[in-house]
Amino acid sequence: MALLLPRRSAALRYPGSKWSIAGSVIAHFGAHHHYLEPYFGSGAVFFTKEPSPHELINDTNGAVVNLFRMLRDRTEELCWALEATPWSRDEYAISDVITGDPLEDARRFVVRVWQAHASDLAKKTGWKTRGVRQRARGMSDRWSRVPAELRSMAWRLAEAEIENRPAVDVMRRFSAADCLIYADPPYLPQVRTQRMYGQEMTTAEHVEMLDVLRRHAGPVVLSGYDNDLYNAALAGWRQVTLKPPKVEKGATRTEKLWIKP
């Protein structure tokens, strides 16, 4: 049963993000002192859960890490810049161009993930626009709320450590009995039909991750689509289905958790 936590709006669109089911994930978190998210992404679970005494968030995508560092360290500058940014084809066209200015690059990253047709970081999918039959201001109205939503999240980052390192290295470093790992890696390549992420993981990298998680001294909650690799590697772990199965391009996908202990 999900905890009665306030459901946050998705302040950042991101492949595989867990905004709609964050409470259901958090319901399976046990007692801990250290909290580690090695595959941070949009941070949906982190921003929904109550703070832990020590928290470390990590992502191998430098654009993600830069965004959350700017949100933590330069909150008002970033949010003011976004408030002055229109829903614009021209803004989207330059959103993947790196300038070297961390604040401007963070602004452009938010534009890219919001103003694209789909939450796909592997490639540009085109600017999202609507025809005359649909409500004209629907998307720009939603966009206008994003700066305030990001601003409301900034406080959660104040005490968090933010890393940009290989996930397995971070997990090995924090192998302790009182460290809870919530791992939400990119979906296995064989359970989806296309690339989605700026930083993908091979099947071999998933195997390495599973070995690290099995050896972790503390509790682990791992999320992903149901698959034979995880089921075999984590035999004996508790499994929970989070959503009813859905069909994507003819294939059935079931969102699950694998939980230790």
Foldseek 3Di string as FASTA:
>chain_A
DFDPWDQADQLFFAPPDQSPQLRVLCVQDDFFQEEEEADCTSVNNLLGDDDHNAYEYEHQPPLVLLLLVCCQPVVVVLLVVLLPDFLDQVLLVCLPPDDPPSSVVNNSVRSQCQQAPHNFPCDGRGGDADDPVDDHCVSRVVSNCSSVSSNVRNVSCNRYHYYNDNSLVVLVVPQDARYEYEYEAPAAPVQDDDHGDPDHDHPVRVVVVLVSQVPRNYKYKYKYWDDPVNCVSLPPFDKDFRDPWDADPRDTTTIMITIDD
